[in-house]
Amino acid sequence: PIARNPLIVGGLLTAVVALLLLGCSPAQAQMPGRALPGMQGRQAALPEATSHNPSRVRNLMLAIHGFTRAQLDAASTGVDAILRAFLSDPAEAMVVKRQAIKALRLYPADENFVFIKTRMAGAPVGLRRLYMLSLAGFDDGKHDEIVGMLGNMLADPDVGTRHVAVSLAARLRPSTQLRSALRAHLSDEPEPGVRTAIGRVLSR
C-alpha cells in the first residue's frame, strides 16, 4: 500500500513542500494586482503642471470619479483662474460649471472668495446653493465674514436654499458668532425641517 511505502510518502511530501515554496516565490509576489510588501496604500505623488491647459482641467470637471487638488494642480497652472473663466462663460456646459464651483473651494484665496460672493446672488438657484456650500472652503480665513452672510441666506424665501444655509453652517467651525446667527433665526423659521436642522447644529 502507498501509505506503508516510505519512498512514495517521502516523494509526496517533497512535492507538497516544493509547491508551497513556489506559491511564495518573488516572481508571484510581483504579479500584476498583488501589492509588494510595504507598498499598501502608497501612491506616487503627482508632479505639478508647468503649462496652462484649460482642456485638461475641463476633462477633470467631467471625470466620473471626481478630482482632487493634487490632480487639478497636475493638470494645469493657474487652475483657479481657469475655473473662474468656466463660470464666467455663458456658453459653458452646466455640468462643468457645477463642478468648477466645487473645485474653486479647494483654492481659498481672497480673489476666489470675492468672486463667489459677487456671483452668488445673481446665479440660478442650483448654482447659488453650490456657491453657498463652497464658502466652507474659506472658513479658516473668512469665518466672521461668512457668518455675517448667513443671516441673508437663512432669510431666503426658498426653503431649499435655507436648508443649504444650515448645511453650510454645519460645515463651519463652531463659534459664538455662528451660534448667535442661528439662534436669531430659529424663532422666525416657519419650516419644521429647517428648525430641526438648526437645532442639530446648535447641539454640537
N, C-alpha and C. Protein backbone atom coordinates (compact mmCIF):
# COMPACT_ATOMS: atom_id res chain seq x y z
N PRO A 1 0.84 -1.22 0.00
CA PRO A 1 0.00 0.00 0.00
C PRO A 1 0.86 1.25 0.00
N ILE A 2 0.34 2.35 -0.56
CA ILE A 2 1.12 3.57 -0.68
C ILE A 2 1.49 4.13 0.68
N ALA A 3 0.55 4.07 1.66
CA ALA A 3 0.79 4.65 2.98
C ALA A 3 1.93 3.97 3.71
N ARG A 4 2.25 2.68 3.33
CA ARG A 4 3.30 1.95 4.03
C ARG A 4 4.63 2.00 3.29
N ASN A 5 4.68 2.66 2.15
CA ASN A 5 5.92 2.72 1.36
C ASN A 5 6.62 4.04 1.65
N PRO A 6 7.74 3.99 2.40
CA PRO A 6 8.40 5.25 2.78
C PRO A 6 8.93 6.04 1.61
N LEU A 7 9.27 5.42 0.53
CA LEU A 7 9.79 6.15 -0.63
C LEU A 7 8.70 6.99 -1.28
N ILE A 8 7.50 6.37 -1.40
CA ILE A 8 6.39 7.10 -2.02
C ILE A 8 5.94 8.24 -1.12
N VAL A 9 5.84 7.97 0.19
CA VAL A 9 5.41 9.02 1.12
C VAL A 9 6.40 10.18 1.12
N GLY A 10 7.70 9.85 1.13
CA GLY A 10 8.72 10.91 1.10
C GLY A 10 8.64 11.73 -0.16
N GLY A 11 8.37 11.08 -1.30
CA GLY A 11 8.26 11.82 -2.56
C GLY A 11 7.08 12.76 -2.56
N LEU A 12 5.94 12.30 -2.00
CA LEU A 12 4.77 13.16 -1.93
C LEU A 12 5.01 14.38 -1.06
N LEU A 13 5.67 14.20 0.08
CA LEU A 13 5.97 15.33 0.96
C LEU A 13 6.88 16.33 0.29
N THR A 14 7.88 15.81 -0.45
CA THR A 14 8.79 16.71 -1.17
C THR A 14 8.05 17.55 -2.21
N ALA A 15 7.10 16.91 -2.90
CA ALA A 15 6.34 17.64 -3.92
C ALA A 15 5.47 18.73 -3.31
N VAL A 16 4.83 18.40 -2.14
CA VAL A 16 3.97 19.38 -1.49
C VAL A 16 4.78 20.59 -1.03
N VAL A 17 5.96 20.33 -0.43
CA VAL A 17 6.81 21.42 0.03
C VAL A 17 7.25 22.29 -1.13
N ALA A 18 7.58 21.66 -2.26
CA ALA A 18 8.01 22.42 -3.43
C ALA A 18 6.90 23.33 -3.94
N LEU A 19 5.65 22.81 -3.95
CA LEU A 19 4.52 23.63 -4.40
C LEU A 19 4.28 24.82 -3.47
N LEU A 20 4.41 24.59 -2.16
CA LEU A 20 4.25 25.68 -1.21
C LEU A 20 5.30 26.75 -1.40
N LEU A 21 6.54 26.35 -1.65
CA LEU A 21 7.61 27.31 -1.88
C LEU A 21 7.36 28.11 -3.15
N LEU A 22 6.86 27.44 -4.19
CA LEU A 22 6.55 28.16 -5.43
C LEU A 22 5.44 29.18 -5.21
N GLY A 23 4.48 28.84 -4.33
CA GLY A 23 3.37 29.76 -4.06
C GLY A 23 3.82 31.04 -3.39
N CYS A 24 5.00 31.07 -2.78
CA CYS A 24 5.51 32.27 -2.10
C CYS A 24 6.71 32.85 -2.82
N SER A 25 6.91 32.47 -4.05
CA SER A 25 8.11 32.90 -4.77
C SER A 25 8.06 34.39 -5.07
N PRO A 26 9.22 35.08 -5.19
CA PRO A 26 9.25 36.51 -5.52
C PRO A 26 8.56 36.82 -6.83
N ALA A 27 8.65 35.91 -7.79
CA ALA A 27 8.03 36.18 -9.09
C ALA A 27 6.53 36.34 -8.96
N GLN A 28 5.91 35.43 -8.14
CA GLN A 28 4.47 35.53 -7.98
C GLN A 28 4.09 36.76 -7.17
N ALA A 29 4.90 37.15 -6.21
CA ALA A 29 4.60 38.31 -5.38
C ALA A 29 4.55 39.59 -6.19
N GLN A 30 5.24 39.63 -7.34
CA GLN A 30 5.30 40.84 -8.15
C GLN A 30 4.34 40.80 -9.33
N MET A 31 3.43 39.82 -9.34
CA MET A 31 2.46 39.75 -10.43
C MET A 31 1.51 40.93 -10.36
N PRO A 32 0.95 41.35 -11.51
CA PRO A 32 0.00 42.47 -11.51
C PRO A 32 -1.16 42.19 -10.58
N GLY A 33 -1.58 43.24 -9.85
CA GLY A 33 -2.71 43.11 -8.94
C GLY A 33 -2.32 42.68 -7.54
N ARG A 34 -1.03 42.35 -7.31
CA ARG A 34 -0.59 41.94 -5.98
C ARG A 34 0.37 42.99 -5.46
N ALA A 35 0.06 43.57 -4.28
CA ALA A 35 0.90 44.65 -3.74
C ALA A 35 2.20 44.10 -3.20
N LEU A 36 3.28 44.82 -3.42
CA LEU A 36 4.56 44.46 -2.85
C LEU A 36 4.59 44.79 -1.36
N PRO A 37 5.38 44.04 -0.58
CA PRO A 37 5.44 44.34 0.85
C PRO A 37 5.83 45.80 1.11
N GLY A 38 5.09 46.44 2.03
CA GLY A 38 5.39 47.82 2.39
C GLY A 38 4.81 48.86 1.46
N MET A 39 4.09 48.45 0.39
CA MET A 39 3.57 49.41 -0.60
C MET A 39 2.07 49.63 -0.45
N GLN A 40 1.41 48.89 0.48
CA GLN A 40 -0.03 49.03 0.62
C GLN A 40 -0.39 50.47 0.97
N GLY A 41 -1.37 51.04 0.20
CA GLY A 41 -1.88 52.38 0.49
C GLY A 41 -1.00 53.51 0.00
N ARG A 42 0.17 53.21 -0.57
CA ARG A 42 1.05 54.29 -1.03
C ARG A 42 0.80 54.59 -2.49
N GLN A 43 0.81 55.87 -2.86
CA GLN A 43 0.62 56.29 -4.24
C GLN A 43 1.71 57.29 -4.60
N ALA A 44 2.11 57.23 -5.86
CA ALA A 44 3.14 58.16 -6.32
C ALA A 44 2.59 59.58 -6.32
N ALA A 45 3.39 60.54 -5.87
CA ALA A 45 2.98 61.94 -5.86
C ALA A 45 2.85 62.46 -7.28
N LEU A 46 1.85 63.32 -7.50
CA LEU A 46 1.64 63.89 -8.83
C LEU A 46 2.49 65.15 -8.98
N PRO A 47 3.25 65.25 -10.06
CA PRO A 47 4.05 66.47 -10.27
C PRO A 47 3.14 67.62 -10.66
N GLU A 48 3.45 68.83 -10.21
CA GLU A 48 2.65 69.99 -10.57
C GLU A 48 2.89 70.37 -12.02
N ALA A 49 1.85 70.86 -12.67
CA ALA A 49 1.92 71.22 -14.09
C ALA A 49 2.85 72.41 -14.29
N THR A 50 3.42 72.49 -15.47
CA THR A 50 4.29 73.60 -15.83
C THR A 50 3.73 74.42 -16.99
N SER A 51 2.53 74.04 -17.46
CA SER A 51 1.93 74.76 -18.59
C SER A 51 0.44 75.00 -18.32
N HIS A 52 -0.11 75.98 -19.04
CA HIS A 52 -1.51 76.36 -18.91
C HIS A 52 -2.35 75.48 -19.83
N ASN A 53 -3.29 74.71 -19.27
CA ASN A 53 -4.01 73.74 -20.09
C ASN A 53 -5.48 73.64 -19.63
N PRO A 54 -6.34 74.59 -20.04
CA PRO A 54 -7.75 74.55 -19.63
C PRO A 54 -8.48 73.28 -20.04
N SER A 55 -8.11 72.69 -21.17
CA SER A 55 -8.81 71.49 -21.62
C SER A 55 -8.61 70.32 -20.67
N ARG A 56 -7.44 70.22 -20.08
CA ARG A 56 -7.21 69.16 -19.11
C ARG A 56 -8.01 69.39 -17.83
N VAL A 57 -8.13 70.65 -17.44
CA VAL A 57 -8.95 70.97 -16.27
C VAL A 57 -10.42 70.65 -16.56
N ARG A 58 -10.88 70.98 -17.76
CA ARG A 58 -12.26 70.67 -18.13
C ARG A 58 -12.50 69.16 -18.10
N ASN A 59 -11.54 68.39 -18.57
CA ASN A 59 -11.69 66.93 -18.53
C ASN A 59 -11.87 66.43 -17.10
N LEU A 60 -11.15 67.04 -16.16
CA LEU A 60 -11.32 66.65 -14.76
C LEU A 60 -12.71 67.04 -14.24
N MET A 61 -13.26 68.15 -14.72
CA MET A 61 -14.61 68.53 -14.33
C MET A 61 -15.64 67.50 -14.79
N LEU A 62 -15.31 66.79 -15.85
CA LEU A 62 -16.23 65.80 -16.41
C LEU A 62 -15.91 64.38 -15.96
N ALA A 63 -14.89 64.22 -15.12
CA ALA A 63 -14.46 62.88 -14.69
C ALA A 63 -15.52 62.24 -13.80
N ILE A 64 -15.76 60.97 -14.02
CA ILE A 64 -16.79 60.25 -13.26
C ILE A 64 -16.44 60.18 -11.78
N HIS A 65 -15.17 59.98 -11.49
CA HIS A 65 -14.74 59.78 -10.10
C HIS A 65 -14.31 61.07 -9.41
N GLY A 66 -14.63 62.23 -9.98
CA GLY A 66 -14.29 63.49 -9.34
C GLY A 66 -12.82 63.85 -9.49
N PHE A 67 -12.31 64.63 -8.56
CA PHE A 67 -10.95 65.17 -8.69
C PHE A 67 -10.44 65.55 -7.32
N THR A 68 -9.14 65.74 -7.23
CA THR A 68 -8.51 66.24 -6.02
C THR A 68 -7.72 67.49 -6.36
N ARG A 69 -7.29 68.21 -5.33
CA ARG A 69 -6.45 69.39 -5.55
C ARG A 69 -5.16 68.98 -6.26
N ALA A 70 -4.59 67.84 -5.87
CA ALA A 70 -3.34 67.39 -6.50
C ALA A 70 -3.54 67.10 -7.98
N GLN A 71 -4.67 66.51 -8.34
CA GLN A 71 -4.95 66.22 -9.75
C GLN A 71 -5.15 67.51 -10.54
N LEU A 72 -5.82 68.47 -9.95
CA LEU A 72 -6.02 69.75 -10.63
C LEU A 72 -4.69 70.46 -10.85
N ASP A 73 -3.85 70.49 -9.84
CA ASP A 73 -2.56 71.16 -9.96
C ASP A 73 -1.63 70.44 -10.93
N ALA A 74 -1.84 69.15 -11.12
CA ALA A 74 -1.05 68.40 -12.09
C ALA A 74 -1.55 68.61 -13.52
N ALA A 75 -2.80 69.08 -13.65
CA ALA A 75 -3.39 69.27 -14.98
C ALA A 75 -2.98 70.57 -15.63
N SER A 76 -2.80 71.62 -14.83
CA SER A 76 -2.52 72.94 -15.42
C SER A 76 -2.01 73.90 -14.35
N THR A 77 -1.34 74.92 -14.81
CA THR A 77 -1.03 76.06 -13.93
C THR A 77 -2.25 76.98 -13.89
N GLY A 78 -2.34 77.82 -12.86
CA GLY A 78 -3.43 78.80 -12.78
C GLY A 78 -4.81 78.18 -12.80
N VAL A 79 -5.00 77.09 -12.05
CA VAL A 79 -6.26 76.37 -12.10
C VAL A 79 -7.43 77.23 -11.65
N ASP A 80 -7.28 77.99 -10.58
CA ASP A 80 -8.42 78.77 -10.10
C ASP A 80 -8.86 79.82 -11.12
N ALA A 81 -7.93 80.40 -11.86
CA ALA A 81 -8.30 81.35 -12.92
C ALA A 81 -9.09 80.64 -14.02
N ILE A 82 -8.70 79.42 -14.34
CA ILE A 82 -9.43 78.63 -15.34
C ILE A 82 -10.85 78.34 -14.85
N LEU A 83 -10.99 77.99 -13.58
CA LEU A 83 -12.30 77.70 -13.02
C LEU A 83 -13.19 78.94 -13.07
N ARG A 84 -12.64 80.08 -12.76
CA ARG A 84 -13.42 81.32 -12.81
C ARG A 84 -13.85 81.63 -14.25
N ALA A 85 -12.98 81.31 -15.20
CA ALA A 85 -13.33 81.54 -16.61
C ALA A 85 -14.47 80.63 -17.04
N PHE A 86 -14.44 79.37 -16.59
CA PHE A 86 -15.56 78.46 -16.89
C PHE A 86 -16.87 79.04 -16.36
N LEU A 87 -16.84 79.56 -15.15
CA LEU A 87 -18.04 80.06 -14.51
C LEU A 87 -18.51 81.39 -15.10
N SER A 88 -17.61 82.11 -15.73
CA SER A 88 -17.96 83.40 -16.35
C SER A 88 -18.42 83.25 -17.79
N ASP A 89 -18.28 82.06 -18.36
CA ASP A 89 -18.61 81.83 -19.77
C ASP A 89 -20.07 81.40 -19.90
N PRO A 90 -20.93 82.23 -20.50
CA PRO A 90 -22.34 81.85 -20.61
C PRO A 90 -22.57 80.60 -21.44
N ALA A 91 -21.61 80.26 -22.32
CA ALA A 91 -21.77 79.10 -23.19
C ALA A 91 -21.25 77.80 -22.57
N GLU A 92 -20.63 77.91 -21.42
CA GLU A 92 -20.04 76.72 -20.80
C GLU A 92 -21.14 75.76 -20.32
N ALA A 93 -20.88 74.46 -20.43
CA ALA A 93 -21.85 73.46 -20.01
C ALA A 93 -22.14 73.56 -18.51
N MET A 94 -23.40 73.32 -18.14
CA MET A 94 -23.80 73.44 -16.74
C MET A 94 -23.05 72.46 -15.85
N VAL A 95 -22.81 71.25 -16.35
CA VAL A 95 -22.11 70.26 -15.53
C VAL A 95 -20.69 70.73 -15.21
N VAL A 96 -20.05 71.40 -16.16
CA VAL A 96 -18.71 71.93 -15.92
C VAL A 96 -18.77 73.05 -14.89
N LYS A 97 -19.78 73.90 -14.98
CA LYS A 97 -19.92 74.99 -14.02
C LYS A 97 -20.15 74.47 -12.60
N ARG A 98 -21.00 73.45 -12.50
CA ARG A 98 -21.28 72.90 -11.17
C ARG A 98 -20.00 72.34 -10.54
N GLN A 99 -19.24 71.60 -11.32
CA GLN A 99 -18.01 71.01 -10.79
C GLN A 99 -16.95 72.10 -10.54
N ALA A 100 -16.97 73.14 -11.36
CA ALA A 100 -15.99 74.23 -11.17
C ALA A 100 -16.21 74.94 -9.84
N ILE A 101 -17.47 75.09 -9.43
CA ILE A 101 -17.74 75.70 -8.12
C ILE A 101 -17.19 74.81 -7.01
N LYS A 102 -17.41 73.50 -7.13
CA LYS A 102 -16.89 72.58 -6.12
C LYS A 102 -15.37 72.61 -6.08
N ALA A 103 -14.76 72.78 -7.25
CA ALA A 103 -13.29 72.81 -7.31
C ALA A 103 -12.74 74.11 -6.76
N LEU A 104 -13.46 75.20 -6.95
CA LEU A 104 -12.95 76.52 -6.55
C LEU A 104 -12.75 76.62 -5.05
N ARG A 105 -13.54 75.86 -4.28
CA ARG A 105 -13.38 75.92 -2.82
C ARG A 105 -12.07 75.28 -2.36
N LEU A 106 -11.42 74.55 -3.26
CA LEU A 106 -10.11 73.97 -2.94
C LEU A 106 -9.00 75.02 -3.04
N TYR A 107 -9.34 76.22 -3.51
CA TYR A 107 -8.37 77.31 -3.69
C TYR A 107 -8.83 78.52 -2.88
N PRO A 108 -8.63 78.50 -1.56
CA PRO A 108 -9.19 79.54 -0.68
C PRO A 108 -8.42 80.86 -0.68
N ALA A 109 -8.25 81.43 -1.86
CA ALA A 109 -7.60 82.74 -1.97
C ALA A 109 -8.65 83.84 -1.90
N ASP A 110 -8.24 85.05 -1.51
CA ASP A 110 -9.16 86.17 -1.40
C ASP A 110 -9.89 86.44 -2.71
N GLU A 111 -9.17 86.36 -3.82
CA GLU A 111 -9.77 86.64 -5.13
C GLU A 111 -10.92 85.69 -5.42
N ASN A 112 -10.76 84.43 -5.04
CA ASN A 112 -11.81 83.45 -5.28
C ASN A 112 -13.00 83.66 -4.35
N PHE A 113 -12.72 84.08 -3.12
CA PHE A 113 -13.80 84.37 -2.18
C PHE A 113 -14.65 85.54 -2.69
N VAL A 114 -14.01 86.59 -3.16
CA VAL A 114 -14.73 87.75 -3.71
C VAL A 114 -15.53 87.33 -4.94
N PHE A 115 -14.94 86.51 -5.78
CA PHE A 115 -15.63 86.03 -6.99
C PHE A 115 -16.92 85.30 -6.60
N ILE A 116 -16.84 84.41 -5.63
CA ILE A 116 -18.01 83.64 -5.21
C ILE A 116 -19.08 84.57 -4.63
N LYS A 117 -18.67 85.51 -3.79
CA LYS A 117 -19.62 86.45 -3.18
C LYS A 117 -20.38 87.25 -4.24
N THR A 118 -19.65 87.74 -5.25
CA THR A 118 -20.29 88.58 -6.25
C THR A 118 -21.15 87.78 -7.22
N ARG A 119 -20.85 86.52 -7.40
CA ARG A 119 -21.61 85.67 -8.33
C ARG A 119 -22.85 85.08 -7.68
N MET A 120 -22.82 84.91 -6.39
CA MET A 120 -23.82 84.10 -5.70
C MET A 120 -25.24 84.63 -5.86
N ALA A 121 -25.44 85.91 -5.63
CA ALA A 121 -26.80 86.46 -5.61
C ALA A 121 -27.52 86.31 -6.94
N GLY A 122 -26.81 86.53 -8.05
CA GLY A 122 -27.46 86.50 -9.35
C GLY A 122 -27.44 85.16 -10.05
N ALA A 123 -26.92 84.13 -9.40
CA ALA A 123 -26.81 82.81 -10.03
C ALA A 123 -28.14 82.07 -10.00
N PRO A 124 -28.38 81.17 -10.97
CA PRO A 124 -29.55 80.29 -10.88
C PRO A 124 -29.54 79.54 -9.55
N VAL A 125 -30.71 79.14 -9.09
CA VAL A 125 -30.83 78.61 -7.73
C VAL A 125 -29.90 77.41 -7.48
N GLY A 126 -29.75 76.53 -8.47
CA GLY A 126 -28.88 75.36 -8.29
C GLY A 126 -27.43 75.76 -8.09
N LEU A 127 -26.95 76.69 -8.90
CA LEU A 127 -25.57 77.15 -8.76
C LEU A 127 -25.42 78.00 -7.50
N ARG A 128 -26.45 78.75 -7.16
CA ARG A 128 -26.37 79.58 -5.96
C ARG A 128 -26.15 78.72 -4.72
N ARG A 129 -26.84 77.61 -4.65
CA ARG A 129 -26.68 76.72 -3.49
C ARG A 129 -25.27 76.14 -3.45
N LEU A 130 -24.72 75.82 -4.61
CA LEU A 130 -23.34 75.30 -4.64
C LEU A 130 -22.35 76.39 -4.23
N TYR A 131 -22.58 77.61 -4.68
CA TYR A 131 -21.73 78.73 -4.24
C TYR A 131 -21.77 78.86 -2.72
N MET A 132 -22.96 78.75 -2.16
CA MET A 132 -23.10 78.86 -0.71
C MET A 132 -22.27 77.80 0.00
N LEU A 133 -22.41 76.55 -0.42
CA LEU A 133 -21.67 75.47 0.22
C LEU A 133 -20.17 75.61 0.03
N SER A 134 -19.76 76.18 -1.11
CA SER A 134 -18.33 76.32 -1.38
C SER A 134 -17.66 77.28 -0.40
N LEU A 135 -18.44 78.14 0.25
CA LEU A 135 -17.86 79.08 1.21
C LEU A 135 -17.20 78.35 2.38
N ALA A 136 -17.60 77.12 2.65
CA ALA A 136 -16.99 76.36 3.75
C ALA A 136 -15.50 76.17 3.53
N GLY A 137 -15.06 76.17 2.28
CA GLY A 137 -13.64 76.02 1.99
C GLY A 137 -12.81 77.22 2.40
N PHE A 138 -13.48 78.34 2.71
CA PHE A 138 -12.79 79.58 3.09
C PHE A 138 -12.92 79.87 4.58
N ASP A 139 -13.40 78.91 5.34
CA ASP A 139 -13.72 79.13 6.74
C ASP A 139 -12.53 79.56 7.58
N ASP A 140 -11.36 79.03 7.28
CA ASP A 140 -10.19 79.34 8.10
C ASP A 140 -9.88 80.84 8.14
N GLY A 141 -9.98 81.50 6.99
CA GLY A 141 -9.61 82.92 6.94
C GLY A 141 -10.78 83.88 6.89
N LYS A 142 -11.99 83.36 6.60
CA LYS A 142 -13.14 84.25 6.38
C LYS A 142 -14.34 83.90 7.25
N HIS A 143 -14.09 83.26 8.38
CA HIS A 143 -15.20 82.76 9.19
C HIS A 143 -16.20 83.85 9.56
N ASP A 144 -15.73 84.94 10.11
CA ASP A 144 -16.64 86.00 10.56
C ASP A 144 -17.44 86.58 9.39
N GLU A 145 -16.79 86.74 8.26
CA GLU A 145 -17.49 87.30 7.09
C GLU A 145 -18.56 86.34 6.58
N ILE A 146 -18.25 85.05 6.58
CA ILE A 146 -19.23 84.06 6.12
C ILE A 146 -20.42 84.02 7.07
N VAL A 147 -20.15 84.03 8.37
CA VAL A 147 -21.24 84.04 9.35
C VAL A 147 -22.10 85.29 9.17
N GLY A 148 -21.46 86.42 8.84
CA GLY A 148 -22.20 87.64 8.59
C GLY A 148 -23.13 87.54 7.39
N MET A 149 -22.79 86.68 6.43
CA MET A 149 -23.63 86.46 5.25
C MET A 149 -24.76 85.47 5.53
N LEU A 150 -24.61 84.72 6.60
CA LEU A 150 -25.54 83.62 6.86
C LEU A 150 -26.96 84.11 7.12
N GLY A 151 -27.10 85.31 7.75
CA GLY A 151 -28.44 85.83 8.05
C GLY A 151 -29.29 85.97 6.80
N ASN A 152 -28.72 86.54 5.73
CA ASN A 152 -29.47 86.70 4.48
C ASN A 152 -29.80 85.35 3.85
N MET A 153 -28.88 84.40 3.96
CA MET A 153 -29.14 83.07 3.40
C MET A 153 -30.30 82.40 4.13
N LEU A 154 -30.33 82.54 5.47
CA LEU A 154 -31.39 81.92 6.26
C LEU A 154 -32.73 82.62 6.08
N ALA A 155 -32.71 83.85 5.57
CA ALA A 155 -33.95 84.59 5.33
C ALA A 155 -34.47 84.40 3.91
N ASP A 156 -33.81 83.58 3.12
CA ASP A 156 -34.23 83.36 1.73
C ASP A 156 -35.64 82.77 1.70
N PRO A 157 -36.51 83.24 0.80
CA PRO A 157 -37.87 82.69 0.74
C PRO A 157 -37.94 81.23 0.29
N ASP A 158 -36.88 80.75 -0.36
CA ASP A 158 -36.86 79.36 -0.84
C ASP A 158 -36.39 78.43 0.28
N VAL A 159 -37.24 77.49 0.68
CA VAL A 159 -36.92 76.61 1.80
C VAL A 159 -35.71 75.73 1.51
N GLY A 160 -35.55 75.32 0.26
CA GLY A 160 -34.38 74.51 -0.10
C GLY A 160 -33.09 75.27 0.12
N THR A 161 -33.11 76.55 -0.21
CA THR A 161 -31.93 77.39 -0.01
C THR A 161 -31.63 77.56 1.48
N ARG A 162 -32.68 77.67 2.29
CA ARG A 162 -32.46 77.78 3.74
C ARG A 162 -31.86 76.49 4.29
N HIS A 163 -32.30 75.35 3.78
CA HIS A 163 -31.70 74.08 4.18
C HIS A 163 -30.21 74.07 3.85
N VAL A 164 -29.87 74.58 2.68
CA VAL A 164 -28.45 74.63 2.27
C VAL A 164 -27.68 75.57 3.19
N ALA A 165 -28.30 76.67 3.59
CA ALA A 165 -27.64 77.61 4.50
C ALA A 165 -27.30 76.92 5.82
N VAL A 166 -28.20 76.08 6.32
CA VAL A 166 -27.93 75.35 7.56
C VAL A 166 -26.82 74.30 7.32
N SER A 167 -26.83 73.69 6.14
CA SER A 167 -25.76 72.74 5.81
C SER A 167 -24.40 73.43 5.79
N LEU A 168 -24.38 74.66 5.26
CA LEU A 168 -23.15 75.45 5.30
C LEU A 168 -22.73 75.70 6.75
N ALA A 169 -23.68 76.11 7.59
CA ALA A 169 -23.37 76.37 8.99
C ALA A 169 -22.78 75.14 9.67
N ALA A 170 -23.27 73.96 9.31
CA ALA A 170 -22.77 72.73 9.90
C ALA A 170 -21.33 72.44 9.49
N ARG A 171 -20.91 72.99 8.36
CA ARG A 171 -19.55 72.76 7.87
C ARG A 171 -18.55 73.79 8.41
N LEU A 172 -19.05 74.83 9.03
CA LEU A 172 -18.18 75.85 9.60
C LEU A 172 -17.75 75.45 11.00
N ARG A 173 -16.62 75.97 11.43
CA ARG A 173 -16.17 75.67 12.79
C ARG A 173 -17.11 76.33 13.80
N PRO A 174 -17.39 75.68 14.90
CA PRO A 174 -18.28 76.27 15.91
C PRO A 174 -17.70 77.58 16.45
N SER A 175 -18.56 78.54 16.66
CA SER A 175 -18.13 79.82 17.22
C SER A 175 -19.32 80.50 17.86
N THR A 176 -19.05 81.48 18.73
CA THR A 176 -20.12 82.24 19.37
C THR A 176 -20.94 82.99 18.33
N GLN A 177 -20.27 83.56 17.33
CA GLN A 177 -20.97 84.31 16.28
C GLN A 177 -21.92 83.40 15.50
N LEU A 178 -21.45 82.21 15.19
CA LEU A 178 -22.27 81.28 14.41
C LEU A 178 -23.51 80.87 15.21
N ARG A 179 -23.33 80.54 16.47
CA ARG A 179 -24.46 80.13 17.30
C ARG A 179 -25.46 81.28 17.45
N SER A 180 -24.97 82.49 17.58
CA SER A 180 -25.86 83.65 17.70
C SER A 180 -26.68 83.85 16.43
N ALA A 181 -26.05 83.68 15.27
CA ALA A 181 -26.75 83.85 14.00
C ALA A 181 -27.85 82.80 13.84
N LEU A 182 -27.56 81.58 14.24
CA LEU A 182 -28.56 80.51 14.11
C LEU A 182 -29.70 80.71 15.10
N ARG A 183 -29.37 81.07 16.33
CA ARG A 183 -30.41 81.30 17.34
C ARG A 183 -31.32 82.47 16.94
N ALA A 184 -30.72 83.51 16.34
CA ALA A 184 -31.50 84.68 15.94
C ALA A 184 -32.55 84.32 14.89
N HIS A 185 -32.27 83.32 14.08
CA HIS A 185 -33.20 82.94 13.02
C HIS A 185 -34.18 81.87 13.48
N LEU A 186 -33.81 81.10 14.48
CA LEU A 186 -34.57 79.90 14.84
C LEU A 186 -36.04 80.19 15.11
N SER A 187 -36.34 81.23 15.86
CA SER A 187 -37.74 81.51 16.21
C SER A 187 -38.55 82.01 15.02
N ASP A 188 -37.88 82.51 13.98
CA ASP A 188 -38.60 83.03 12.81
C ASP A 188 -38.76 81.98 11.71
N GLU A 189 -38.11 80.85 11.83
CA GLU A 189 -38.12 79.85 10.77
C GLU A 189 -39.47 79.09 10.76
N PRO A 190 -40.21 79.16 9.64
CA PRO A 190 -41.53 78.51 9.60
C PRO A 190 -41.47 77.01 9.28
N GLU A 191 -40.38 76.53 8.71
CA GLU A 191 -40.30 75.15 8.25
C GLU A 191 -39.74 74.25 9.37
N PRO A 192 -40.50 73.24 9.82
CA PRO A 192 -40.02 72.38 10.90
C PRO A 192 -38.70 71.68 10.58
N GLY A 193 -38.52 71.25 9.33
CA GLY A 193 -37.29 70.56 8.97
C GLY A 193 -36.06 71.45 9.11
N VAL A 194 -36.20 72.71 8.74
CA VAL A 194 -35.09 73.65 8.88
C VAL A 194 -34.81 73.92 10.35
N ARG A 195 -35.87 74.06 11.15
CA ARG A 195 -35.68 74.28 12.59
C ARG A 195 -34.96 73.09 13.22
N THR A 196 -35.33 71.89 12.81
CA THR A 196 -34.67 70.69 13.34
C THR A 196 -33.19 70.68 12.96
N ALA A 197 -32.90 71.04 11.71
CA ALA A 197 -31.51 71.07 11.25
C ALA A 197 -30.69 72.10 12.03
N ILE A 198 -31.30 73.26 12.29
CA ILE A 198 -30.61 74.29 13.08
C ILE A 198 -30.34 73.77 14.49
N GLY A 199 -31.31 73.08 15.06
CA GLY A 199 -31.13 72.53 16.40
C GLY A 199 -29.97 71.54 16.46
N ARG A 200 -29.81 70.75 15.41
CA ARG A 200 -28.70 69.79 15.38
C ARG A 200 -27.36 70.51 15.37
N VAL A 201 -27.27 71.61 14.61
CA VAL A 201 -26.01 72.36 14.56
C VAL A 201 -25.75 73.00 15.92
N LEU A 202 -26.78 73.53 16.56
CA LEU A 202 -26.60 74.19 17.86
C LEU A 202 -26.23 73.20 18.96
N SER A 203 -26.58 71.94 18.77
CA SER A 203 -26.29 70.94 19.81
C SER A 203 -24.91 70.33 19.70
N ARG A 204 -24.11 70.78 18.72
CA ARG A 204 -22.76 70.21 18.56
C ARG A 204 -21.92 70.51 19.78
